[in-house]
C-alpha atoms as a PDB file:
ATOM      1  CA  MET A   1       9.408   0.625 -24.596  1.00  0.00           C
ATOM      2  CA  SER A   2       7.079   3.605 -24.732  1.00  0.00           C
ATOM      3  CA  ASP A   3       6.894   6.280 -22.087  1.00  0.00           C
ATOM      4  CA  ILE A   4       3.972   4.940 -20.087  1.00  0.00           C
ATOM      5  CA  SER A   5       3.518   5.958 -16.488  1.00  0.00           C
ATOM      6  CA  PHE A   6       1.112   5.239 -13.662  1.00  0.00           C
ATOM      7  CA  SER A   7      -0.262   7.519 -10.976  1.00  0.00           C
ATOM      8  CA  ALA A   8      -2.077   6.338  -7.874  1.00  0.00           C
ATOM      9  CA  LEU A   9      -5.785   7.157  -7.689  1.00  0.00           C
ATOM     10  CA  THR A  10      -5.942   6.572  -3.930  1.00  0.00           C
ATOM     11  CA  PRO A  11      -3.293   5.557  -1.386  1.00  0.00           C
ATOM     12  CA  GLN A  12      -4.600   1.980  -1.297  1.00  0.00           C
ATOM     13  CA  ILE A  13      -6.056   1.042  -4.675  1.00  0.00           C
ATOM     14  CA  GLY A  14      -6.212   2.070  -8.309  1.00  0.00           C
ATOM     15  CA  SER A  15      -3.869   3.659 -10.823  1.00  0.00           C
ATOM     16  CA  ALA A  16      -4.278   5.756 -13.922  1.00  0.00           C
ATOM     17  CA  VAL A  17      -2.126   4.869 -16.919  1.00  0.00           C
ATOM     18  CA  VAL A  18      -0.771   7.630 -19.165  1.00  0.00           C
ATOM     19  CA  GLY A  19       1.004   7.262 -22.490  1.00  0.00           C
ATOM     20  CA  LEU A  20      -0.560   4.008 -23.657  1.00  0.00           C
ATOM     21  CA  ASN A  21      -2.873   3.881 -26.677  1.00  0.00           C
ATOM     22  CA  PHE A  22      -5.017   0.755 -26.458  1.00  0.00           C
ATOM     23  CA  GLY A  23      -6.057   1.192 -30.087  1.00  0.00           C
ATOM     24  CA  GLN A  24      -2.481   0.429 -31.227  1.00  0.00           C
ATOM     25  CA  PRO A  25      -0.392  -2.711 -30.699  1.00  0.00           C
ATOM     26  CA  VAL A  26       1.007  -2.805 -27.158  1.00  0.00           C
ATOM     27  CA  SER A  27       4.578  -4.017 -26.707  1.00  0.00           C
ATOM     28  CA  ASP A  28       5.339  -7.009 -24.518  1.00  0.00           C
ATOM     29  CA  ALA A  29       7.191  -4.735 -22.070  1.00  0.00           C
ATOM     30  CA  ASP A  30       4.263  -2.303 -21.797  1.00  0.00           C
ATOM     31  CA  SER A  31       1.823  -5.178 -21.442  1.00  0.00           C
ATOM     32  CA  ALA A  32       3.922  -6.653 -18.630  1.00  0.00           C
ATOM     33  CA  ALA A  33       4.076  -3.260 -16.885  1.00  0.00           C
ATOM     34  CA  LEU A  34       0.308  -2.891 -17.190  1.00  0.00           C
ATOM     35  CA  GLU A  35      -0.301  -6.371 -15.802  1.00  0.00           C
ATOM     36  CA  ARG A  36       2.101  -5.762 -12.873  1.00  0.00           C
ATOM     37  CA  GLU A  37       0.331  -2.511 -12.056  1.00  0.00           C
ATOM     38  CA  LEU A  38      -3.048  -4.226 -12.204  1.00  0.00           C
ATOM     39  CA  ALA A  39      -1.809  -6.969  -9.877  1.00  0.00           C
ATOM     40  CA  ASP A  40      -0.368  -4.419  -7.440  1.00  0.00           C
ATOM     41  CA  ARG A  41      -3.183  -1.838  -7.479  1.00  0.00           C
ATOM     42  CA  CYS A  42      -6.216  -4.003  -8.506  1.00  0.00           C
ATOM     43  CA  VAL A  43      -7.676  -1.319 -10.808  1.00  0.00           C
ATOM     44  CA  VAL A  44      -6.081   0.474 -13.754  1.00  0.00           C
ATOM     45  CA  VAL A  45      -7.915   3.353 -15.428  1.00  0.00           C
ATOM     46  CA  ALA A  46      -7.036   4.493 -18.946  1.00  0.00           C
ATOM     47  CA  ARG A  47      -8.684   7.842 -19.560  1.00  0.00           C
ATOM     48  CA  GLY A  48      -9.290   9.328 -22.974  1.00  0.00           C
ATOM     49  CA  GLN A  49      -9.313   6.050 -24.897  1.00  0.00           C
ATOM     50  CA  GLU A  50     -11.713   6.001 -27.839  1.00  0.00           C
ATOM     51  CA  LEU A  51     -11.923   2.427 -29.033  1.00  0.00           C
ATOM     52  CA  ALA A  52     -14.395   0.864 -31.387  1.00  0.00           C
ATOM     53  CA  PRO A  53     -15.815  -2.413 -30.056  1.00  0.00           C
ATOM     54  CA  GLY A  54     -13.560  -4.386 -32.411  1.00  0.00           C
ATOM     55  CA  GLN A  55     -10.451  -2.555 -31.162  1.00  0.00           C
ATOM     56  CA  LEU A  56     -11.349  -3.302 -27.537  1.00  0.00           C
ATOM     57  CA  ILE A  57     -11.876  -6.974 -28.317  1.00  0.00           C
ATOM     58  CA  ALA A  58      -8.604  -7.128 -30.273  1.00  0.00           C
ATOM     59  CA  PHE A  59      -6.684  -5.530 -27.406  1.00  0.00           C
ATOM     60  CA  SER A  60      -8.234  -7.867 -24.874  1.00  0.00           C
ATOM     61  CA  ARG A  61      -7.409 -10.944 -26.929  1.00  0.00           C
ATOM     62  CA  ARG A  62      -3.921  -9.743 -27.752  1.00  0.00           C
ATOM     63  CA  ARG A  63      -2.652  -8.714 -24.350  1.00  0.00           C
ATOM     64  CA  MET A  64      -4.911  -9.191 -21.376  1.00  0.00           C
ATOM     65  CA  HIS A  65      -5.329 -12.518 -19.659  1.00  0.00           C
ATOM     66  CA  ARG A  66      -8.415 -13.801 -17.932  1.00  0.00           C
ATOM     67  CA  THR A  67      -8.249 -13.062 -14.228  1.00  0.00           C
ATOM     68  CA  THR A  68      -9.809 -14.727 -11.262  1.00  0.00           C
ATOM     69  CA  ILE A  69      -9.863 -13.370  -7.757  1.00  0.00           C
ATOM     70  CA  THR A  70      -8.311 -15.514  -5.048  1.00  0.00           C
ATOM     71  CA  GLY A  71      -8.264 -13.789  -1.707  1.00  0.00           C
ATOM     72  CA  THR A  72      -7.307 -10.200  -2.416  1.00  0.00           C
ATOM     73  CA  ARG A  73      -5.131 -10.613  -5.514  1.00  0.00           C
ATOM     74  CA  PRO A  74      -5.995 -11.310  -9.146  1.00  0.00           C
ATOM     75  CA  VAL A  75      -4.362 -14.377 -10.656  1.00  0.00           C
ATOM     76  CA  PHE A  76      -3.415 -14.129 -14.314  1.00  0.00           C
ATOM     77  CA  ASP A  77      -4.116 -17.194 -16.404  1.00  0.00           C
ATOM     78  CA  ALA A  78      -1.626 -17.078 -19.281  1.00  0.00           C
ATOM     79  CA  ALA A  79      -3.376 -20.025 -20.951  1.00  0.00           C
ATOM     80  CA  ALA A  80      -6.570 -18.031 -21.451  1.00  0.00           C
END
């Protein structure tokens, strides 16, 4: 696993991720950590990422699942 870390943006919501390059393949462990953080903090910001549109689409298809909001928590749809 890479050395990714998260820092809270506010006491209640949001985190910034450091040490993750979305333009490169993301490991299953890092993807799981990112998804857990998103579920816990609702917003994850990745600063300094310079992705071409194709790289963003590839990352989204490869690792992120469609989310829907139910109440106050996102629900990850692994079938998406």
